């Protein structure tokens, strides 16, 4: 039982990091696409 606790914490930390990185990348791509749309709209 004591061995499961650190493993669970480690898995949660890894999942949290992966989730954070994916979210950051997705939001950055979303912002870049929005900026490109704004620029294209302003150029017309």
Protein backbone atom coordinates (compact mmCIF):
# COMPACT_ATOMS: atom_id res chain seq x y z
CA UNK A 1 0.00 0.00 0.00
CA UNK A 2 2.82 2.40 0.83
CA UNK A 3 4.42 1.68 -2.55
CA UNK A 4 1.24 2.60 -4.42
CA UNK A 5 1.11 6.12 -2.99
CA UNK A 6 4.36 7.47 -4.55
CA UNK A 7 3.52 5.71 -7.83
CA UNK A 8 0.09 7.36 -7.89
CA UNK A 9 1.59 10.77 -7.11
CA UNK A 10 4.20 10.27 -9.85
CA UNK A 11 1.56 9.27 -12.39
CA UNK A 12 -0.59 12.25 -11.47
CA UNK A 13 2.41 14.59 -11.79
CA UNK A 14 3.27 13.17 -15.23
CA UNK A 15 -0.35 13.39 -16.40
CA UNK A 16 -0.58 16.97 -15.09
CA UNK A 17 2.62 18.00 -16.91
CA UNK A 18 1.53 16.39 -20.19
CA UNK A 19 -1.91 17.97 -19.89
CA UNK A 20 -0.38 21.39 -19.21
CA UNK A 21 2.01 21.16 -22.15
CA UNK A 22 -0.74 20.05 -24.54
CA UNK A 23 -3.04 22.82 -23.34
CA UNK A 24 -0.31 25.43 -23.74
CA UNK A 25 0.50 24.25 -27.28
CA UNK A 26 -3.16 24.15 -28.29
CA UNK A 27 -3.88 27.61 -26.90
CA UNK A 28 -0.75 29.03 -28.55
CA UNK A 29 -1.78 27.58 -31.94
CA UNK A 30 -5.30 28.93 -31.41
CA UNK A 31 -3.96 32.42 -30.64
CA UNK A 32 -1.66 32.34 -33.68
CA UNK A 33 -4.54 31.30 -35.95
CA UNK A 34 -6.71 34.07 -34.52
CA UNK A 35 -3.95 36.63 -35.14
CA UNK A 36 -3.51 35.41 -38.73
CA UNK A 37 -7.27 35.69 -39.26
CA UNK A 38 -7.22 39.25 -37.87
CA UNK A 39 -4.32 40.23 -40.13
CA UNK A 40 -6.00 38.71 -43.20
CA UNK A 41 -9.23 40.53 -42.30
CA UNK A 42 -7.45 43.86 -41.83
CA UNK A 43 -5.55 43.54 -45.12
CA UNK A 44 -8.75 43.28 -47.18
